[in-house]
Amino acid sequence: MKEFHLHLVSDSTGETVSSVSRAVLAQFEEVEAIEHVWPLIRTKGQIEKVLADIDQNPGVIMFTLVNKDLRNLLRDECQKRGLPCIPVLGHIIRELSAYLNEEATSRPGMQHEFSEDYFNRVEAINFALAHDDGQGHWELDKADVVLVGVSRTSKSPTCVYLANRGYKAANIPFVMNCPLPENLEEIRQPLVVGLTISLDRLLQIRKTRLLSLNQEEETNYIDSDEVRKEIEESRKLFRKNGWPVIDVTRRSVEETAAMIIQYRQKQLEKRKA
């Protein structure tokens, strides 16, 4: 892996520049960034502290700064050092401003101001945590999405990701010879999605999980025949109920969540029709 220092400078929380940097770095498989995150940078003195660290760890600088003087100071100093200094929103704001014929409001952190959407996301995150791994199953009808799948099919992280998008998501584990919640096959309001995975990939994930817990003994959890039965029986359940199925073998959590959101939107559109 090729490593490099990446300085993320923001006059707000740093969430935007961090998200953009990770989306870009995902395109470079053999590169790993050593991140230096600098949030709430709003004065010349703070910029100077950032520059001092850049001198110690030279690399790439990405920033979201709405104050013109601070932007110019950071750019000029980075140019002197021969380092790339990239404004992650600058081009987008200019293009949108030109199209709308409107000046952008130069207020730091406006994208993070409290709004109804913000509180909806907080509520969704609390819901996901309270309904993880079969908890609170008697409230499944209150969910937007319910995920069902065998252990280690990324149900929990997918629910948290969906919650960050404002969707109330619950997940139910499929375990051989263990009854599912009685109301699972009767709920109508939420979208129920089955998550499946290839046998080889699931065995690999589960073995790695046991090693991380210092548990090396052979169990049904990693027995090839038993795991195959788990996957087959879970798929039978999905087919029986007509639930959409997503194979997560080669999909990231973000990709799985994007597909679930599409299914949910189609479900809501059908109800309106």
Protein backbone atom coordinates (compact mmCIF):
# COMPACT_ATOMS: atom_id res chain seq x y z
CA MET A 1 0.00 0.00 0.00
CA LYS A 2 1.20 3.47 -0.88
CA GLU A 3 0.69 5.86 2.04
CA PHE A 4 0.46 9.64 2.00
CA HIS A 5 -0.56 12.41 4.39
CA LEU A 6 -3.98 13.96 3.73
CA HIS A 7 -4.92 17.18 5.52
CA LEU A 8 -8.68 17.84 5.68
CA VAL A 9 -9.35 21.46 6.60
CA SER A 10 -12.85 22.76 7.34
CA ASP A 11 -14.49 25.78 8.92
CA SER A 12 -17.27 23.47 10.09
CA THR A 13 -17.39 19.89 11.41
CA GLY A 14 -15.22 18.42 8.67
CA GLU A 15 -17.92 15.93 7.74
CA THR A 16 -18.27 17.18 4.16
CA VAL A 17 -14.59 17.23 3.26
CA SER A 18 -14.08 13.83 4.96
CA SER A 19 -16.96 12.27 3.01
CA VAL A 20 -15.72 13.64 -0.29
CA SER A 21 -12.13 12.51 0.36
CA ARG A 22 -13.23 8.96 1.17
CA ALA A 23 -15.40 8.77 -1.92
CA VAL A 24 -12.43 9.82 -4.05
CA LEU A 25 -9.91 7.56 -2.31
CA ALA A 26 -12.20 4.56 -2.89
CA GLN A 27 -11.09 4.80 -6.53
CA PHE A 28 -7.45 4.08 -5.57
CA GLU A 29 -7.20 0.53 -4.24
CA GLU A 30 -3.47 0.53 -3.51
CA VAL A 31 -3.39 3.86 -1.68
CA GLU A 32 -3.98 4.58 2.00
CA ALA A 33 -4.30 8.08 3.43
CA ILE A 34 -2.98 9.12 6.83
CA GLU A 35 -5.67 11.64 7.73
CA HIS A 36 -5.12 14.88 9.62
CA VAL A 37 -8.55 16.39 10.26
CA TRP A 38 -8.79 20.09 11.06
CA PRO A 39 -12.38 21.14 11.87
CA LEU A 40 -13.67 24.60 12.89
CA ILE A 41 -10.78 26.49 11.29
CA ARG A 42 -11.98 30.10 11.23
CA THR A 43 -9.00 32.34 12.05
CA LYS A 44 -5.59 33.15 10.60
CA GLY A 45 -3.94 31.78 13.75
CA GLN A 46 -5.66 28.43 13.26
CA ILE A 47 -4.51 28.29 9.63
CA GLU A 48 -0.94 28.87 10.81
CA LYS A 49 -1.23 25.89 13.18
CA VAL A 50 -2.47 23.76 10.28
CA LEU A 51 0.47 24.89 8.16
CA ALA A 52 2.91 24.00 10.94
CA ASP A 53 1.60 20.43 10.91
CA ILE A 54 1.70 20.36 7.12
CA ASP A 55 5.38 21.27 7.32
CA GLN A 56 5.92 18.27 9.59
CA ASN A 57 3.76 15.96 7.43
CA PRO A 58 3.68 17.28 3.87
CA GLY A 59 1.02 15.84 1.61
CA VAL A 60 -2.30 16.70 -0.02
CA ILE A 61 -4.60 19.37 1.39
CA MET A 62 -8.37 19.31 0.82
CA PHE A 63 -10.56 22.02 2.27
CA THR A 64 -13.99 23.60 2.67
CA LEU A 65 -13.49 27.23 3.73
CA VAL A 66 -16.03 29.90 2.85
CA ASN A 67 -13.92 32.83 4.10
CA LYS A 68 -12.09 34.18 1.07
CA ASP A 69 -9.08 35.50 3.03
CA LEU A 70 -8.53 32.14 4.76
CA ARG A 71 -8.89 30.27 1.46
CA ASN A 72 -6.32 32.50 -0.22
CA LEU A 73 -3.92 32.22 2.72
CA LEU A 74 -4.07 28.44 2.73
CA ARG A 75 -3.72 28.21 -1.05
CA ASP A 76 -0.81 30.65 -1.23
CA GLU A 77 1.12 28.92 1.55
CA CYS A 78 0.55 25.50 0.02
CA GLN A 79 1.66 26.81 -3.36
CA LYS A 80 4.91 28.04 -1.79
CA ARG A 81 5.47 24.54 -0.45
CA GLY A 82 4.64 22.92 -3.79
CA LEU A 83 1.71 20.99 -2.30
CA PRO A 84 -1.71 20.40 -3.91
CA CYS A 85 -4.50 22.35 -2.20
CA ILE A 86 -7.95 21.24 -3.35
CA PRO A 87 -11.26 23.05 -2.65
CA VAL A 88 -13.81 20.23 -2.62
CA LEU A 89 -16.90 22.43 -3.10
CA GLY A 90 -15.49 25.44 -4.92
CA HIS A 91 -16.20 24.33 -8.50
CA ILE A 92 -19.67 23.03 -7.65
CA ILE A 93 -20.64 26.28 -5.90
CA ARG A 94 -19.35 28.40 -8.80
CA GLU A 95 -21.22 26.36 -11.39
CA LEU A 96 -24.47 26.42 -9.40
CA SER A 97 -24.10 30.12 -8.66
CA ALA A 98 -23.65 30.88 -12.36
CA TYR A 99 -26.65 28.76 -13.36
CA LEU A 100 -28.96 30.24 -10.69
CA ASN A 101 -27.51 33.74 -11.06
CA GLU A 102 -27.34 33.87 -7.28
CA GLU A 103 -24.43 34.52 -4.92
CA ALA A 104 -23.64 31.74 -2.42
CA THR A 105 -24.03 32.62 1.27
CA SER A 106 -20.58 32.64 2.85
CA ARG A 107 -21.57 31.23 6.23
CA PRO A 108 -19.51 28.38 7.71
CA GLY A 109 -21.36 25.19 8.53
CA MET A 110 -24.72 26.10 7.00
CA GLN A 111 -25.11 22.53 5.74
CA HIS A 112 -25.13 21.32 9.35
CA GLU A 113 -27.77 23.69 10.74
CA PHE A 114 -30.53 21.92 12.65
CA SER A 115 -33.57 21.17 10.52
CA GLU A 116 -36.50 18.79 10.44
CA ASP A 117 -34.36 16.47 8.31
CA TYR A 118 -31.63 16.50 10.97
CA PHE A 119 -34.00 15.48 13.73
CA ASN A 120 -35.56 12.81 11.50
CA ARG A 121 -32.11 11.29 11.02
CA VAL A 122 -31.41 11.36 14.75
CA GLU A 123 -34.71 9.60 15.37
CA ALA A 124 -33.91 7.03 12.68
CA ILE A 125 -30.49 6.30 14.21
CA ASN A 126 -32.06 5.78 17.63
CA PHE A 127 -34.62 3.47 16.04
CA ALA A 128 -31.91 1.42 14.29
CA LEU A 129 -29.97 0.95 17.53
CA ALA A 130 -33.10 -0.01 19.47
CA HIS A 131 -34.17 -2.54 16.80
CA ASP A 132 -30.83 -4.14 16.01
CA ASP A 133 -30.46 -7.92 15.84
CA GLY A 134 -34.10 -8.69 16.59
CA GLN A 135 -34.57 -6.22 19.44
CA GLY A 136 -37.97 -4.55 19.73
CA HIS A 137 -39.42 -6.91 17.13
CA TRP A 138 -42.97 -6.15 18.32
CA GLU A 139 -42.54 -2.68 16.80
CA LEU A 140 -41.54 -3.78 13.31
CA ASP A 141 -44.56 -2.06 11.77
CA LYS A 142 -43.05 1.28 12.78
CA ALA A 143 -40.01 0.66 10.56
CA ASP A 144 -39.51 1.85 7.00
CA VAL A 145 -37.25 -1.10 6.22
CA VAL A 146 -36.68 -4.50 7.85
CA LEU A 147 -33.61 -6.54 6.87
CA VAL A 148 -33.51 -10.32 7.31
CA GLY A 149 -30.45 -12.51 6.82
CA VAL A 150 -28.06 -14.99 8.35
CA SER A 151 -25.31 -13.81 10.66
CA ARG A 152 -22.57 -11.62 9.08
CA THR A 153 -24.51 -10.33 6.08
CA SER A 154 -23.91 -6.69 7.11
CA LYS A 155 -27.43 -6.17 8.45
CA SER A 156 -26.43 -3.84 11.31
CA PRO A 157 -24.08 -1.50 9.40
CA THR A 158 -26.58 -1.31 6.55
CA CYS A 159 -29.31 -0.29 9.01
CA VAL A 160 -27.10 2.42 10.48
CA TYR A 161 -26.27 3.70 7.00
CA LEU A 162 -29.97 3.79 6.11
CA ALA A 163 -30.66 5.62 9.37
CA ASN A 164 -28.16 8.29 8.37
CA ARG A 165 -30.27 8.74 5.26
CA GLY A 166 -33.38 9.16 7.40
CA TYR A 167 -34.87 5.66 7.09
CA LYS A 168 -36.03 3.78 10.18
CA ALA A 169 -34.43 0.37 9.74
CA ALA A 170 -34.64 -2.80 11.85
CA ASN A 171 -32.95 -6.14 11.30
CA ILE A 172 -33.84 -9.71 12.17
CA PRO A 173 -31.24 -12.52 12.23
CA PHE A 174 -32.10 -15.78 10.51
CA VAL A 175 -30.86 -18.62 12.73
CA MET A 176 -31.51 -22.31 12.01
CA ASN A 177 -34.12 -23.88 14.31
CA CYS A 178 -34.86 -20.53 15.98
CA PRO A 179 -38.33 -19.08 15.45
CA LEU A 180 -38.62 -15.71 13.75
CA PRO A 181 -40.86 -13.00 15.25
CA GLU A 182 -44.48 -14.01 14.72
CA ASN A 183 -45.36 -10.68 13.13
CA LEU A 184 -42.49 -10.68 10.61
CA GLU A 185 -44.39 -12.37 7.80
CA GLU A 186 -47.52 -10.32 8.45
CA ILE A 187 -46.20 -6.75 8.46
CA ARG A 188 -47.26 -4.66 5.48
CA GLN A 189 -46.04 -1.09 6.00
CA PRO A 190 -42.25 -1.62 6.03
CA LEU A 191 -40.24 -2.94 3.12
CA VAL A 192 -38.79 -6.34 4.09
CA VAL A 193 -35.54 -7.23 2.30
CA GLY A 194 -33.64 -10.49 2.44
CA LEU A 195 -29.83 -10.30 2.47
CA THR A 196 -27.88 -13.27 1.17
CA ILE A 197 -24.22 -14.05 0.49
CA SER A 198 -22.05 -16.71 -1.12
CA LEU A 199 -20.97 -19.68 0.97
CA ASP A 200 -17.23 -19.09 0.52
CA ARG A 201 -17.43 -15.42 1.42
CA LEU A 202 -19.60 -16.08 4.48
CA LEU A 203 -17.25 -18.77 5.78
CA GLN A 204 -14.31 -16.43 5.33
CA ILE A 205 -16.01 -13.61 7.23
CA ARG A 206 -17.13 -15.87 10.07
CA LYS A 207 -13.72 -17.49 10.49
CA THR A 208 -12.10 -14.07 10.64
CA ARG A 209 -14.67 -13.01 13.21
CA LEU A 210 -13.92 -16.01 15.45
CA LEU A 211 -10.17 -15.41 15.18
CA SER A 212 -10.67 -11.80 16.29
CA LEU A 213 -12.44 -13.17 19.37
CA ASN A 214 -9.68 -15.76 19.96
CA GLN A 215 -12.12 -18.61 19.34
CA GLU A 216 -10.56 -21.19 17.06
CA GLU A 217 -12.65 -24.27 17.86
CA GLU A 218 -14.79 -25.81 15.11
CA THR A 219 -18.51 -25.04 15.49
CA ASN A 220 -21.65 -25.13 13.34
CA TYR A 221 -21.08 -21.42 12.89
CA ILE A 222 -18.26 -22.19 10.44
CA ASP A 223 -19.18 -25.74 9.39
CA SER A 224 -19.51 -25.69 5.60
CA ASP A 225 -22.54 -28.01 5.41
CA GLU A 226 -24.38 -26.24 8.22
CA VAL A 227 -23.69 -22.80 6.80
CA ARG A 228 -24.88 -23.94 3.36
CA LYS A 229 -28.16 -25.08 4.94
CA GLU A 230 -28.52 -21.71 6.66
CA ILE A 231 -28.16 -19.86 3.38
CA GLU A 232 -30.52 -22.21 1.53
CA GLU A 233 -33.21 -22.05 4.21
CA SER A 234 -33.01 -18.27 4.42
CA ARG A 235 -33.47 -18.03 0.65
CA LYS A 236 -36.51 -20.32 0.87
CA LEU A 237 -38.00 -17.94 3.41
CA PHE A 238 -37.37 -14.96 1.14
CA ARG A 239 -38.98 -16.70 -1.86
CA LYS A 240 -41.96 -17.85 0.19
CA ASN A 241 -42.76 -14.29 1.23
CA GLY A 242 -41.86 -12.65 -2.06
CA TRP A 243 -39.33 -10.35 -0.42
CA PRO A 244 -36.73 -8.66 -2.63
CA VAL A 245 -33.30 -10.25 -2.16
CA ILE A 246 -29.90 -8.58 -2.33
CA ASP A 247 -26.68 -10.57 -2.62
CA VAL A 248 -24.09 -8.71 -0.53
CA THR A 249 -21.14 -10.91 -1.55
CA ARG A 250 -19.46 -8.26 -3.65
CA ARG A 251 -21.36 -5.20 -2.52
CA SER A 252 -20.36 -2.48 -0.09
CA VAL A 253 -22.79 -1.35 2.59
CA GLU A 254 -23.36 1.85 0.60
CA GLU A 255 -24.27 -0.10 -2.54
CA THR A 256 -26.63 -2.39 -0.63
CA ALA A 257 -28.30 0.59 1.01
CA ALA A 258 -28.71 2.33 -2.34
CA MET A 259 -30.56 -0.70 -3.73
CA ILE A 260 -32.77 -0.88 -0.63
CA ILE A 261 -33.68 2.80 -1.00
CA GLN A 262 -34.65 2.17 -4.63
CA TYR A 263 -36.87 -0.74 -3.59
CA ARG A 264 -38.46 1.40 -0.88
CA GLN A 265 -39.18 4.25 -3.30
CA LYS A 266 -40.80 1.85 -5.77
CA GLN A 267 -42.91 0.38 -2.95
CA LEU A 268 -44.18 3.83 -1.97
CA GLU A 269 -44.86 4.77 -5.60
CA LYS A 270 -46.97 1.63 -6.07
CA ARG A 271 -49.05 2.52 -3.02
CA LYS A 272 -49.71 6.00 -4.38
CA ALA A 273 -50.75 4.67 -7.80
